[in-house]
Structures are given as C-alpha cells and as structure tokens.
Full PDB file with SEQRES, HELIX, SHEET, SSBOND, CRYST1, ORIGX, SCALE, CONECT and MASTER records, all heavy atoms in Angstrom:
SEQRES   1 A   41  LEU MET ARG VAL ASN ARG PHE PHE PHE ASN ASP ARG MET          
SEQRES   2 A   41  VAL PRO PHE TYR ALA ALA GLU ILE LEU TYR CYS ALA ASP          
SEQRES   3 A   41  ARG TYR GLU TYR ARG VAL SER LEU LYS ARG GLU GLN GLY          
SEQRES   4 A   41  LYS ASP                                                      
HELIX    1 AA1 ALA A   25  ARG A   27  5                                   3    
SHEET    1 AA1 2 MET A   2  PHE A   9  0                                        
SHEET    2 AA1 2 PRO A  15  TYR A  23 -1                                        
CRYST1    1.000    1.000    1.000  90.00  90.00  90.00 P 1           1          
ORIGX1      1.000000  0.000000  0.000000        0.00000                         
ORIGX2      0.000000  1.000000  0.000000        0.00000                         
ORIGX3      0.000000  0.000000  1.000000        0.00000                         
SCALE1      1.000000  0.000000  0.000000        0.00000                         
SCALE2      0.000000  1.000000  0.000000        0.00000                         
SCALE3      0.000000  0.000000  1.000000        0.00000                         
ATOM      1  N   LEU A   1      99.324 109.821  69.395  1.00  0.00           N  
ATOM      2  CA  LEU A   1     100.014 108.909  70.295  1.00  0.00           C  
ATOM      3  C   LEU A   1      99.100 108.554  71.456  1.00  0.00           C  
ATOM      4  O   LEU A   1      98.174 109.307  71.799  1.00  0.00           O  
ATOM      5  CB  LEU A   1     101.290 109.544  70.853  1.00  0.00           C  
ATOM      6  CG  LEU A   1     102.360 110.022  69.867  1.00  0.00           C  
ATOM      7  CD1 LEU A   1     103.475 110.725  70.630  1.00  0.00           C  
ATOM      8  CD2 LEU A   1     102.898 108.865  69.056  1.00  0.00           C  
ATOM      9  N   MET A   2      99.351 107.409  72.044  1.00  0.00           N  
ATOM     10  CA  MET A   2      98.695 107.045  73.296  1.00  0.00           C  
ATOM     11  C   MET A   2      99.682 107.312  74.432  1.00  0.00           C  
ATOM     12  O   MET A   2     100.819 106.844  74.384  1.00  0.00           O  
ATOM     13  CB  MET A   2      98.298 105.567  73.296  1.00  0.00           C  
ATOM     14  CG  MET A   2      97.713 105.093  74.621  1.00  0.00           C  
ATOM     15  SD  MET A   2      96.103 105.817  74.977  1.00  0.00           S  
ATOM     16  CE  MET A   2      95.079 104.844  73.853  1.00  0.00           C  
ATOM     17  N   ARG A   3      99.258 108.093  75.420  1.00  0.00           N  
ATOM     18  CA  ARG A   3     100.128 108.389  76.563  1.00  0.00           C  
ATOM     19  C   ARG A   3      99.641 107.608  77.772  1.00  0.00           C  
ATOM     20  O   ARG A   3      98.470 107.666  78.141  1.00  0.00           O  
ATOM     21  CB  ARG A   3     100.136 109.887  76.888  1.00  0.00           C  
ATOM     22  CG  ARG A   3     101.047 110.219  78.087  1.00  0.00           C  
ATOM     23  CD  ARG A   3     101.259 111.712  78.218  1.00  0.00           C  
ATOM     24  NE  ARG A   3     100.006 112.406  78.431  1.00  0.00           N  
ATOM     25  CZ  ARG A   3      99.829 113.701  78.185  1.00  0.00           C  
ATOM     26  NH1 ARG A   3     100.805 114.425  77.675  1.00  0.00           N  
ATOM     27  NH2 ARG A   3      98.652 114.276  78.405  1.00  0.00           N  
ATOM     28  N   VAL A   4     100.553 106.863  78.380  1.00  0.00           N  
ATOM     29  CA  VAL A   4     100.251 106.096  79.579  1.00  0.00           C  
ATOM     30  C   VAL A   4     101.126 106.616  80.709  1.00  0.00           C  
ATOM     31  O   VAL A   4     102.352 106.622  80.600  1.00  0.00           O  
ATOM     32  CB  VAL A   4     100.505 104.587  79.371  1.00  0.00           C  
ATOM     33  CG1 VAL A   4     100.233 103.821  80.668  1.00  0.00           C  
ATOM     34  CG2 VAL A   4      99.632 104.050  78.248  1.00  0.00           C  
ATOM     35  N   ASN A   5     100.502 107.081  81.766  1.00  0.00           N  
ATOM     36  CA  ASN A   5     101.221 107.477  82.970  1.00  0.00           C  
ATOM     37  C   ASN A   5     100.998 106.418  84.047  1.00  0.00           C  
ATOM     38  O   ASN A   5      99.850 106.066  84.351  1.00  0.00           O  
ATOM     39  CB  ASN A   5     100.740 108.834  83.477  1.00  0.00           C  
ATOM     40  CG  ASN A   5     101.264 109.978  82.635  1.00  0.00           C  
ATOM     41  OD1 ASN A   5     100.524 110.549  81.841  1.00  0.00           O  
ATOM     42  ND2 ASN A   5     102.524 110.316  82.790  1.00  0.00           N  
ATOM     43  N   ARG A   6     102.097 105.904  84.588  1.00  0.00           N  
ATOM     44  CA  ARG A   6     102.010 104.925  85.677  1.00  0.00           C  
ATOM     45  C   ARG A   6     102.735 105.475  86.898  1.00  0.00           C  
ATOM     46  O   ARG A   6     103.845 106.013  86.784  1.00  0.00           O  
ATOM     47  CB  ARG A   6     102.638 103.595  85.271  1.00  0.00           C  
ATOM     48  CG  ARG A   6     101.916 102.874  84.162  1.00  0.00           C  
ATOM     49  CD  ARG A   6     102.420 101.437  84.015  1.00  0.00           C  
ATOM     50  NE  ARG A   6     101.787 100.808  82.862  1.00  0.00           N  
ATOM     51  CZ  ARG A   6     102.409 100.504  81.726  1.00  0.00           C  
ATOM     52  NH1 ARG A   6     103.708 100.754  81.604  1.00  0.00           N  
ATOM     53  NH2 ARG A   6     101.769  99.940  80.726  1.00  0.00           N  
ATOM     54  N   PHE A   7     102.109 105.295  88.058  1.00  0.00           N  
ATOM     55  CA  PHE A   7     102.702 105.721  89.313  1.00  0.00           C  
ATOM     56  C   PHE A   7     102.767 104.518  90.238  1.00  0.00           C  
ATOM     57  O   PHE A   7     101.757 103.862  90.501  1.00  0.00           O  
ATOM     58  CB  PHE A   7     101.885 106.858  89.933  1.00  0.00           C  
ATOM     59  CG  PHE A   7     101.843 108.092  89.067  1.00  0.00           C  
ATOM     60  CD1 PHE A   7     100.836 108.264  88.129  1.00  0.00           C  
ATOM     61  CD2 PHE A   7     102.832 109.058  89.157  1.00  0.00           C  
ATOM     62  CE1 PHE A   7     100.802 109.375  87.304  1.00  0.00           C  
ATOM     63  CE2 PHE A   7     102.813 110.180  88.340  1.00  0.00           C  
ATOM     64  CZ  PHE A   7     101.799 110.337  87.415  1.00  0.00           C  
ATOM     65  N   PHE A   8     103.971 104.226  90.712  1.00  0.00           N  
ATOM     66  CA  PHE A   8     104.217 103.055  91.532  1.00  0.00           C  
ATOM     67  C   PHE A   8     104.376 103.474  92.991  1.00  0.00           C  
ATOM     68  O   PHE A   8     105.167 104.370  93.304  1.00  0.00           O  
ATOM     69  CB  PHE A   8     105.481 102.332  91.054  1.00  0.00           C  
ATOM     70  CG  PHE A   8     105.353 101.744  89.667  1.00  0.00           C  
ATOM     71  CD1 PHE A   8     105.433 102.547  88.538  1.00  0.00           C  
ATOM     72  CD2 PHE A   8     105.150 100.383  89.495  1.00  0.00           C  
ATOM     73  CE1 PHE A   8     105.318 102.008  87.256  1.00  0.00           C  
ATOM     74  CE2 PHE A   8     105.029  99.835  88.222  1.00  0.00           C  
ATOM     75  CZ  PHE A   8     105.118 100.650  87.108  1.00  0.00           C  
ATOM     76  N   PHE A   9     103.619 102.807  93.862  1.00  0.00           N  
ATOM     77  CA  PHE A   9     103.607 103.125  95.286  1.00  0.00           C  
ATOM     78  C   PHE A   9     104.265 101.998  96.077  1.00  0.00           C  
ATOM     79  O   PHE A   9     104.068 100.813  95.764  1.00  0.00           O  
ATOM     80  CB  PHE A   9     102.168 103.311  95.779  1.00  0.00           C  
ATOM     81  CG  PHE A   9     101.460 104.489  95.155  1.00  0.00           C  
ATOM     82  CD1 PHE A   9     100.951 104.418  93.867  1.00  0.00           C  
ATOM     83  CD2 PHE A   9     101.295 105.671  95.854  1.00  0.00           C  
ATOM     84  CE1 PHE A   9     100.298 105.494  93.278  1.00  0.00           C  
ATOM     85  CE2 PHE A   9     100.647 106.760  95.292  1.00  0.00           C  
ATOM     86  CZ  PHE A   9     100.137 106.666  93.994  1.00  0.00           C  
ATOM     87  N   ASN A  10     105.014 102.373  97.126  1.00  0.00           N  
ATOM     88  CA  ASN A  10     105.650 101.361  97.965  1.00  0.00           C  
ATOM     89  C   ASN A  10     104.696 100.880  99.052  1.00  0.00           C  
ATOM     90  O   ASN A  10     103.504 101.236  99.063  1.00  0.00           O  
ATOM     91  CB  ASN A  10     106.958 101.893  98.560  1.00  0.00           C  
ATOM     92  CG  ASN A  10     106.741 103.115  99.453  1.00  0.00           C  
ATOM     93  OD1 ASN A  10     105.640 103.356  99.957  1.00  0.00           O  
ATOM     94  ND2 ASN A  10     107.798 103.878  99.641  1.00  0.00           N  
ATOM     95  N   ASP A  11     105.202 100.083  99.978  1.00  0.00           N  
ATOM     96  CA  ASP A  11     104.340  99.502 101.004  1.00  0.00           C  
ATOM     97  C   ASP A  11     103.849 100.530 102.009  1.00  0.00           C  
ATOM     98  O   ASP A  11     102.993 100.232 102.842  1.00  0.00           O  
ATOM     99  CB  ASP A  11     105.055  98.350 101.718  1.00  0.00           C  
ATOM    100  CG  ASP A  11     106.423  98.748 102.243  1.00  0.00           C  
ATOM    101  OD1 ASP A  11     106.873  99.889 101.967  1.00  0.00           O  
ATOM    102  OD2 ASP A  11     107.047  97.931 102.934  1.00  0.00           O  
ATOM    103  N   ARG A  12     104.374 101.741 101.965  1.00  0.00           N  
ATOM    104  CA  ARG A  12     103.870 102.842 102.804  1.00  0.00           C  
ATOM    105  C   ARG A  12     102.965 103.757 101.990  1.00  0.00           C  
ATOM    106  O   ARG A  12     102.615 104.846 102.437  1.00  0.00           O  
ATOM    107  CB  ARG A  12     105.043 103.630 103.386  1.00  0.00           C  
ATOM    108  CG  ARG A  12     105.865 102.814 104.389  1.00  0.00           C  
ATOM    109  CD  ARG A  12     107.059 103.602 104.923  1.00  0.00           C  
ATOM    110  NE  ARG A  12     108.120 103.718 103.913  1.00  0.00           N  
ATOM    111  CZ  ARG A  12     108.476 104.845 103.312  1.00  0.00           C  
ATOM    112  NH1 ARG A  12     107.839 105.967 103.584  1.00  0.00           N  
ATOM    113  NH2 ARG A  12     109.447 104.857 102.414  1.00  0.00           N  
ATOM    114  N   MET A  13     102.613 103.294 100.784  1.00  0.00           N  
ATOM    115  CA  MET A  13     101.745 104.024  99.860  1.00  0.00           C  
ATOM    116  C   MET A  13     102.332 105.386  99.483  1.00  0.00           C  
ATOM    117  O   MET A  13     101.622 106.369  99.300  1.00  0.00           O  
ATOM    118  CB  MET A  13     100.333 104.176 100.440  1.00  0.00           C  
ATOM    119  CG  MET A  13      99.593 102.856 100.576  1.00  0.00           C  
ATOM    120  SD  MET A  13      99.544 101.920  99.007  1.00  0.00           S  
ATOM    121  CE  MET A  13      98.538 103.000  98.006  1.00  0.00           C  
ATOM    122  N   VAL A  14     103.647 105.411  99.345  1.00  0.00           N  
ATOM    123  CA  VAL A  14     104.354 106.609  98.885  1.00  0.00           C  
ATOM    124  C   VAL A  14     104.807 106.371  97.447  1.00  0.00           C  
ATOM    125  O   VAL A  14     105.470 105.372  97.164  1.00  0.00           O  
ATOM    126  CB  VAL A  14     105.582 106.903  99.772  1.00  0.00           C  
ATOM    127  CG1 VAL A  14     106.387 108.074  99.198  1.00  0.00           C  
ATOM    128  CG2 VAL A  14     105.145 107.201 101.196  1.00  0.00           C  
ATOM    129  N   PRO A  15     104.468 107.264  96.511  1.00  0.00           N  
ATOM    130  CA  PRO A  15     104.918 107.080  95.128  1.00  0.00           C  
ATOM    131  C   PRO A  15     106.424 107.282  95.017  1.00  0.00           C  
ATOM    132  O   PRO A  15     106.953 108.304  95.452  1.00  0.00           O  
ATOM    133  CB  PRO A  15     104.138 108.144  94.354  1.00  0.00           C  
ATOM    134  CG  PRO A  15     103.783 109.176  95.368  1.00  0.00           C  
ATOM    135  CD  PRO A  15     103.628 108.466  96.669  1.00  0.00           C  
ATOM    136  N   PHE A  16     107.112 106.301  94.458  1.00  0.00           N  
ATOM    137  CA  PHE A  16     108.567 106.385  94.356  1.00  0.00           C  
ATOM    138  C   PHE A  16     109.053 106.346  92.912  1.00  0.00           C  
ATOM    139  O   PHE A  16     110.225 106.583  92.644  1.00  0.00           O  
ATOM    140  CB  PHE A  16     109.211 105.233  95.131  1.00  0.00           C  
ATOM    141  CG  PHE A  16     108.920 103.867  94.582  1.00  0.00           C  
ATOM    142  CD1 PHE A  16     109.721 103.292  93.609  1.00  0.00           C  
ATOM    143  CD2 PHE A  16     107.815 103.139  95.035  1.00  0.00           C  
ATOM    144  CE1 PHE A  16     109.440 102.032  93.105  1.00  0.00           C  
ATOM    145  CE2 PHE A  16     107.534 101.877  94.529  1.00  0.00           C  
ATOM    146  CZ  PHE A  16     108.345 101.323  93.555  1.00  0.00           C  
ATOM    147  N   TYR A  17     108.147 106.051  91.990  1.00  0.00           N  
ATOM    148  CA  TYR A  17     108.548 105.912  90.587  1.00  0.00           C  
ATOM    149  C   TYR A  17     107.364 106.292  89.711  1.00  0.00           C  
ATOM    150  O   TYR A  17     106.255 105.805  89.900  1.00  0.00           O  
ATOM    151  CB  TYR A  17     109.006 104.467  90.344  1.00  0.00           C  
ATOM    152  CG  TYR A  17     109.031 103.980  88.917  1.00  0.00           C  
ATOM    153  CD1 TYR A  17     109.416 104.792  87.854  1.00  0.00           C  
ATOM    154  CD2 TYR A  17     108.694 102.658  88.624  1.00  0.00           C  
ATOM    155  CE1 TYR A  17     109.447 104.319  86.558  1.00  0.00           C  
ATOM    156  CE2 TYR A  17     108.728 102.163  87.326  1.00  0.00           C  
ATOM    157  CZ  TYR A  17     109.095 103.002  86.297  1.00  0.00           C  
ATOM    158  OH  TYR A  17     109.128 102.536  85.011  1.00  0.00           O  
ATOM    159  N   ALA A  18     107.620 107.189  88.772  1.00  0.00           N  
ATOM    160  CA  ALA A  18     106.599 107.593  87.800  1.00  0.00           C  
ATOM    161  C   ALA A  18     107.128 107.322  86.396  1.00  0.00           C  
ATOM    162  O   ALA A  18     108.298 107.592  86.105  1.00  0.00           O  
ATOM    163  CB  ALA A  18     106.255 109.067  87.958  1.00  0.00           C  
ATOM    164  N   ALA A  19     106.290 106.778  85.574  1.00  0.00           N  
ATOM    165  CA  ALA A  19     106.660 106.499  84.189  1.00  0.00           C  
ATOM    166  C   ALA A  19     105.658 107.167  83.262  1.00  0.00           C  
ATOM    167  O   ALA A  19     104.452 107.104  83.490  1.00  0.00           O  
ATOM    168  CB  ALA A  19     106.689 104.998  83.933  1.00  0.00           C  
ATOM    169  N   GLU A  20     106.166 107.814  82.240  1.00  0.00           N  
ATOM    170  CA  GLU A  20     105.319 108.368  81.185  1.00  0.00           C  
ATOM    171  C   GLU A  20     105.749 107.718  79.887  1.00  0.00           C  
ATOM    172  O   GLU A  20     106.892 107.880  79.457  1.00  0.00           O  
ATOM    173  CB  GLU A  20     105.448 109.883  81.103  1.00  0.00           C  
ATOM    174  CG  GLU A  20     104.559 110.493  80.038  1.00  0.00           C  
ATOM    175  CD  GLU A  20     104.484 112.008  80.143  1.00  0.00           C  
ATOM    176  OE1 GLU A  20     103.632 112.496  80.901  1.00  0.00           O  
ATOM    177  OE2 GLU A  20     105.291 112.682  79.484  1.00  0.00           O  
ATOM    178  N   ILE A  21     104.838 106.952  79.275  1.00  0.00           N  
ATOM    179  CA  ILE A  21     105.164 106.210  78.069  1.00  0.00           C  
ATOM    180  C   ILE A  21     104.279 106.690  76.927  1.00  0.00           C  
ATOM    181  O   ILE A  21     103.059 106.802  77.077  1.00  0.00           O  
ATOM    182  CB  ILE A  21     104.978 104.695  78.265  1.00  0.00           C  
ATOM    183  CG1 ILE A  21     105.695 104.230  79.523  1.00  0.00           C  
ATOM    184  CG2 ILE A  21     105.498 103.927  77.066  1.00  0.00           C  
ATOM    185  CD1 ILE A  21     104.795 103.883  80.660  1.00  0.00           C  
ATOM    186  N   LEU A  22     104.915 106.970  75.811  1.00  0.00           N  
ATOM    187  CA  LEU A  22     104.200 107.366  74.599  1.00  0.00           C  
ATOM    188  C   LEU A  22     104.268 106.222  73.604  1.00  0.00           C  
ATOM    189  O   LEU A  22     105.357 105.749  73.255  1.00  0.00           O  
ATOM    190  CB  LEU A  22     104.820 108.627  73.998  1.00  0.00           C  
ATOM    191  CG  LEU A  22     104.804 109.874  74.885  1.00  0.00           C  
ATOM    192  CD1 LEU A  22     105.560 111.008  74.217  1.00  0.00           C  
ATOM    193  CD2 LEU A  22     103.379 110.295  75.211  1.00  0.00           C  
ATOM    194  N   TYR A  23     103.098 105.759  73.164  1.00  0.00           N  
ATOM    195  CA  TYR A  23     103.006 104.653  72.218  1.00  0.00           C  
ATOM    196  C   TYR A  23     102.501 105.158  70.878  1.00  0.00           C  
ATOM    197  O   TYR A  23     101.600 106.003  70.822  1.00  0.00           O  
ATOM    198  CB  TYR A  23     102.024 103.587  72.712  1.00  0.00           C  
ATOM    199  CG  TYR A  23     102.439 102.877  73.972  1.00  0.00           C  
ATOM    200  CD1 TYR A  23     101.970 103.297  75.208  1.00  0.00           C  
ATOM    201  CD2 TYR A  23     103.270 101.761  73.933  1.00  0.00           C  
ATOM    202  CE1 TYR A  23     102.329 102.633  76.375  1.00  0.00           C  
ATOM    203  CE2 TYR A  23     103.629 101.089  75.093  1.00  0.00           C  
ATOM    204  CZ  TYR A  23     103.159 101.528  76.308  1.00  0.00           C  
ATOM    205  OH  TYR A  23     103.510 100.873  77.455  1.00  0.00           O  
ATOM    206  N   CYS A  24     103.057 104.617  69.807  1.00  0.00           N  
ATOM    207  CA  CYS A  24     102.487 104.883  68.491  1.00  0.00           C  
ATOM    208  C   CYS A  24     101.053 104.355  68.478  1.00  0.00           C  
ATOM    209  O   CYS A  24     100.810 103.200  68.838  1.00  0.00           O  
ATOM    210  CB  CYS A  24     103.317 104.198  67.411  1.00  0.00           C  
ATOM    211  SG  CYS A  24     105.019 104.817  67.321  1.00  0.00           S  
ATOM    212  N   ALA A  25     100.126 105.189  68.072  1.00  0.00           N  
ATOM    213  CA  ALA A  25      98.709 104.873  68.233  1.00  0.00           C  
ATOM    214  C   ALA A  25      98.273 103.622  67.491  1.00  0.00           C  
ATOM    215  O   ALA A  25      97.337 102.936  67.904  1.00  0.00           O  
ATOM    216  CB  ALA A  25      97.847 106.063  67.795  1.00  0.00           C  
ATOM    217  N   ASP A  26      98.965 103.291  66.376  1.00  0.00           N  
ATOM    218  CA  ASP A  26      98.552 102.135  65.598  1.00  0.00           C  
ATOM    219  C   ASP A  26      99.207 100.849  66.092  1.00  0.00           C  
ATOM    220  O   ASP A  26      98.994  99.785  65.518  1.00  0.00           O  
ATOM    221  CB  ASP A  26      98.896 102.349  64.121  1.00  0.00           C  
ATOM    222  CG  ASP A  26     100.392 102.521  63.905  1.00  0.00           C  
ATOM    223  OD1 ASP A  26     101.044 103.161  64.756  1.00  0.00           O  
ATOM    224  OD2 ASP A  26     100.913 102.030  62.894  1.00  0.00           O  
ATOM    225  N   ARG A  27      99.991 100.938  67.171  1.00  0.00           N  
ATOM    226  CA  ARG A  27     100.739  99.763  67.607  1.00  0.00           C  
ATOM    227  C   ARG A  27     100.444  99.395  69.059  1.00  0.00           C  
ATOM    228  O   ARG A  27     101.121  98.552  69.642  1.00  0.00           O  
ATOM    229  CB  ARG A  27     102.245  99.997  67.442  1.00  0.00           C  
ATOM    230  CG  ARG A  27     102.608 100.514  66.073  1.00  0.00           C  
ATOM    231  CD  ARG A  27     104.092 100.452  65.835  1.00  0.00           C  
ATOM    232  NE  ARG A  27     104.502  99.090  65.515  1.00  0.00           N  
ATOM    233  CZ  ARG A  27     105.765  98.684  65.555  1.00  0.00           C  
ATOM    234  NH1 ARG A  27     106.703  99.503  65.937  1.00  0.00           N  
ATOM    235  NH2 ARG A  27     106.076  97.449  65.227  1.00  0.00           N  
ATOM    236  N   TYR A  28      99.464 100.029  69.663  1.00  0.00           N  
ATOM    237  CA  TYR A  28      99.169  99.769  71.067  1.00  0.00           C  
ATOM    238  C   TYR A  28      97.667  99.661  71.253  1.00  0.00           C  
ATOM    239  O   TYR A  28      96.905 100.478  70.738  1.00  0.00           O  
ATOM    240  CB  TYR A  28      99.719 100.896  71.943  1.00  0.00           C  
ATOM    241  CG  TYR A  28      99.475 100.699  73.425  1.00  0.00           C  
ATOM    242  CD1 TYR A  28     100.324  99.900  74.183  1.00  0.00           C  
ATOM    243  CD2 TYR A  28      98.412 101.323  74.064  1.00  0.00           C  
ATOM    244  CE1 TYR A  28     100.113  99.719  75.540  1.00  0.00           C  
ATOM    245  CE2 TYR A  28      98.192 101.157  75.423  1.00  0.00           C  
ATOM    246  CZ  TYR A  28      99.048 100.360  76.156  1.00  0.00           C  
ATOM    247  OH  TYR A  28      98.835 100.184  77.498  1.00  0.00           O  
ATOM    248  N   GLU A  29      97.267  98.650  71.979  1.00  0.00           N  
ATOM    249  CA  GLU A  29      95.848  98.450  72.284  1.00  0.00           C  
ATOM    250  C   GLU A  29      95.704  98.183  73.774  1.00  0.00           C  
ATOM    251  O   GLU A  29      96.443  97.382  74.359  1.00  0.00           O  
ATOM    252  CB  GLU A  29      95.307  97.262  71.500  1.00  0.00           C  
ATOM    253  CG  GLU A  29      93.837  96.920  71.801  1.00  0.00           C  
ATOM    254  CD  GLU A  29      93.372  95.701  71.022  1.00  0.00           C  
ATOM    255  OE1 GLU A  29      93.970  95.418  69.969  1.00  0.00           O  
ATOM    256  OE2 GLU A  29      92.431  95.038  71.485  1.00  0.00           O  
ATOM    257  N   TYR A  30      94.784  98.883  74.397  1.00  0.00           N  
ATOM    258  CA  TYR A  30      94.512  98.680  75.826  1.00  0.00           C  
ATOM    259  C   TYR A  30      93.142  98.053  75.964  1.00  0.00           C  
ATOM    260  O   TYR A  30      92.159  98.565  75.440  1.00  0.00           O  
ATOM    261  CB  TYR A  30      94.552 100.011  76.578  1.00  0.00           C  
ATOM    262  CG  TYR A  30      94.318  99.866  78.066  1.00  0.00           C  
ATOM    263  CD1 TYR A  30      95.342  99.430  78.903  1.00  0.00           C  
ATOM    264  CD2 TYR A  30      93.083 100.154  78.632  1.00  0.00           C  
ATOM    265  CE1 TYR A  30      95.135  99.287  80.263  1.00  0.00           C  
ATOM    266  CE2 TYR A  30      92.871 100.009  79.982  1.00  0.00           C  
ATOM    267  CZ  TYR A  30      93.892  99.586  80.795  1.00  0.00           C  
ATOM    268  OH  TYR A  30      93.679  99.441  82.142  1.00  0.00           O  
ATOM    269  N   ARG A  31      93.083  96.950  76.652  1.00  0.00           N  
ATOM    270  CA  ARG A  31      91.832  96.200  76.727  1.00  0.00           C  
ATOM    271  C   ARG A  31      91.479  95.901  78.177  1.00  0.00           C  
ATOM    272  O   ARG A  31      92.326  95.472  78.960  1.00  0.00           O  
ATOM    273  CB  ARG A  31      91.964  94.891  75.952  1.00  0.00           C  
ATOM    274  CG  ARG A  31      90.684  94.084  75.839  1.00  0.00           C  
ATOM    275  CD  ARG A  31      90.922  92.839  74.998  1.00  0.00           C  
ATOM    276  NE  ARG A  31      91.371  93.195  73.655  1.00  0.00           N  
ATOM    277  CZ  ARG A  31      91.866  92.306  72.803  1.00  0.00           C  
ATOM    278  NH1 ARG A  31      92.006  91.049  73.143  1.00  0.00           N  
ATOM    279  NH2 ARG A  31      92.241  92.701  71.601  1.00  0.00           N  
ATOM    280  N   VAL A  32      90.215  96.125  78.541  1.00  0.00           N  
ATOM    281  CA  VAL A  32      89.710  95.819  79.870  1.00  0.00           C  
ATOM    282  C   VAL A  32      88.504  94.904  79.732  1.00  0.00           C  
ATOM    283  O   VAL A  32      87.622  95.157  78.904  1.00  0.00           O  
ATOM    284  CB  VAL A  32      89.296  97.099  80.637  1.00  0.00           C  
ATOM    285  CG1 VAL A  32      88.679  96.739  81.976  1.00  0.00           C  
ATOM    286  CG2 VAL A  32      90.507  98.006  80.840  1.00  0.00           C  
ATOM    287  N   SER A  33      88.464  93.862  80.507  1.00  0.00           N  
ATOM    288  CA  SER A  33      87.333  92.941  80.495  1.00  0.00           C  
ATOM    289  C   SER A  33      86.476  93.180  81.735  1.00  0.00           C  
ATOM    290  O   SER A  33      86.984  93.178  82.863  1.00  0.00           O  
ATOM    291  CB  SER A  33      87.836  91.482  80.484  1.00  0.00           C  
ATOM    292  OG  SER A  33      86.749  90.588  80.501  1.00  0.00           O  
ATOM    293  N   LEU A  34      85.189  93.430  81.532  1.00  0.00           N  
ATOM    294  CA  LEU A  34      84.253  93.672  82.623  1.00  0.00           C  
ATOM    295  C   LEU A  34      83.332  92.469  82.779  1.00  0.00           C  
ATOM    296  O   LEU A  34      82.713  92.033  81.811  1.00  0.00           O  
ATOM    297  CB  LEU A  34      83.422  94.936  82.358  1.00  0.00           C  
ATOM    298  CG  LEU A  34      84.229  96.225  82.129  1.00  0.00           C  
ATOM    299  CD1 LEU A  34      83.298  97.366  81.770  1.00  0.00           C  
ATOM    300  CD2 LEU A  34      85.036  96.568  83.372  1.00  0.00           C  
ATOM    301  N   LYS A  35      83.247  91.951  83.975  1.00  0.00           N  
ATOM    302  CA  LYS A  35      82.454  90.757  84.214  1.00  0.00           C  
ATOM    303  C   LYS A  35      81.332  91.051  85.209  1.00  0.00           C  
ATOM    304  O   LYS A  35      81.550  91.690  86.235  1.00  0.00           O  
ATOM    305  CB  LYS A  35      83.346  89.623  84.753  1.00  0.00           C  
ATOM    306  CG  LYS A  35      82.622  88.292  84.893  1.00  0.00           C  
ATOM    307  CD  LYS A  35      83.589  87.194  85.348  1.00  0.00           C  
ATOM    308  CE  LYS A  35      82.880  85.850  85.456  1.00  0.00           C  
ATOM    309  NZ  LYS A  35      83.815  84.778  85.899  1.00  0.00           N  
ATOM    310  N   ARG A  36      80.160  90.583  84.886  1.00  0.00           N  
ATOM    311  CA  ARG A  36      79.014  90.792  85.762  1.00  0.00           C  
ATOM    312  C   ARG A  36      79.161  89.926  87.015  1.00  0.00           C  
ATOM    313  O   ARG A  36      79.538  88.759  86.955  1.00  0.00           O  
ATOM    314  CB  ARG A  36      77.720  90.419  85.028  1.00  0.00           C  
ATOM    315  CG  ARG A  36      76.431  90.620  85.842  1.00  0.00           C  
ATOM    316  CD  ARG A  36      75.210  90.258  85.012  1.00  0.00           C  
ATOM    317  NE  ARG A  36      75.217  88.856  84.645  1.00  0.00           N  
ATOM    318  CZ  ARG A  36      74.755  87.871  85.442  1.00  0.00           C  
ATOM    319  NH1 ARG A  36      74.268  88.160  86.636  1.00  0.00           N  
ATOM    320  NH2 ARG A  36      74.780  86.616  85.042  1.00  0.00           N  
ATOM    321  N   GLU A  37      78.873  90.529  88.178  1.00  0.00           N  
ATOM    322  CA  GLU A  37      78.901  89.762  89.417  1.00  0.00           C  
ATOM    323  C   GLU A  37      77.729  88.781  89.445  1.00  0.00           C  
ATOM    324  O   GLU A  37      76.653  89.050  88.913  1.00  0.00           O  
ATOM    325  CB  GLU A  37      78.809  90.695  90.630  1.00  0.00           C  
ATOM    326  CG  GLU A  37      80.048  91.532  90.844  1.00  0.00           C  
ATOM    327  CD  GLU A  37      79.955  92.332  92.128  1.00  0.00           C  
ATOM    328  OE1 GLU A  37      79.535  91.748  93.151  1.00  0.00           O  
ATOM    329  OE2 GLU A  37      80.274  93.522  92.105  1.00  0.00           O  
ATOM    330  N   GLN A  38      77.958  87.649  90.078  1.00  0.00           N  
ATOM    331  CA  GLN A  38      76.937  86.616  90.169  1.00  0.00           C  
ATOM    332  C   GLN A  38      75.657  87.162  90.785  1.00  0.00           C  
ATOM    333  O   GLN A  38      75.662  87.754  91.858  1.00  0.00           O  
ATOM    334  CB  GLN A  38      77.456  85.447  91.025  1.00  0.00           C  
ATOM    335  CG  GLN A  38      76.537  84.236  91.072  1.00  0.00           C  
ATOM    336  CD  GLN A  38      76.495  83.509  89.740  1.00  0.00           C  
ATOM    337  OE1 GLN A  38      77.458  83.569  88.981  1.00  0.00           O  
ATOM    338  NE2 GLN A  38      75.402  82.844  89.456  1.00  0.00           N  
ATOM    339  N   GLY A  39      74.558  87.003  90.075  1.00  0.00           N  
ATOM    340  CA  GLY A  39      73.255  87.408  90.602  1.00  0.00           C  
ATOM    341  C   GLY A  39      72.966  88.890  90.502  1.00  0.00           C  
ATOM    342  O   GLY A  39      71.948  89.344  91.026  1.00  0.00           O  
ATOM    343  N   LYS A  40      73.826  89.667  89.856  1.00  0.00           N  
ATOM    344  CA  LYS A  40      73.617  91.107  89.766  1.00  0.00           C  
ATOM    345  C   LYS A  40      73.614  91.539  88.299  1.00  0.00           C  
ATOM    346  O   LYS A  40      74.273  90.943  87.460  1.00  0.00           O  
ATOM    347  CB  LYS A  40      74.705  91.875  90.521  1.00  0.00           C  
ATOM    348  CG  LYS A  40      74.685  91.654  92.031  1.00  0.00           C  
ATOM    349  CD  LYS A  40      75.720  92.526  92.721  1.00  0.00           C  
ATOM    350  CE  LYS A  40      75.663  92.346  94.229  1.00  0.00           C  
ATOM    351  NZ  LYS A  40      76.671  93.201  94.913  1.00  0.00           N  
ATOM    352  N   ASP A  41      72.843  92.605  88.030  1.00  0.00           N  
ATOM    353  CA  ASP A  41      72.817  93.184  86.696  1.00  0.00           C  
ATOM    354  C   ASP A  41      73.786  94.350  86.635  1.00  0.00           C  
ATOM    355  O   ASP A  41      74.168  94.925  87.658  1.00  0.00           O  
ATOM    356  CB  ASP A  41      71.409  93.701  86.356  1.00  0.00           C  
ATOM    357  CG  ASP A  41      70.393  92.570  86.274  1.00  0.00           C  
ATOM    358  OD1 ASP A  41      70.802  91.457  85.864  1.00  0.00           O  
ATOM    359  OD2 ASP A  41      69.229  92.799  86.615  1.00  0.00           O  
TER     360      ASP A  41                                                      
MASTER        0    0    0    1    2    0    0    6  359    1    0    4          
END                                                                             
C-alpha cells in the first residue's frame, strides 16, 4: 500500500487536522515536476 499522511495547519500554524490515507499500490501515482531555474544548473 501507499501511505499518505497529511497535516493541515491553520493561520496560526497550529495543526488542527491529520489525515492518514492508505492507497492500493496499483491504483495511485504520485508525481512531482522539477523545473530548472532560469540561468541555473
């Protein structure tokens, strides 16, 4: 399974809600796109 823990913070940066989600591994994909900054390697 893929386990995702999310913690939500209010405007005082106090966590008020926590979620733990279990996904079937063959049905969930997490994708992040990384982009190079202009003029930098």
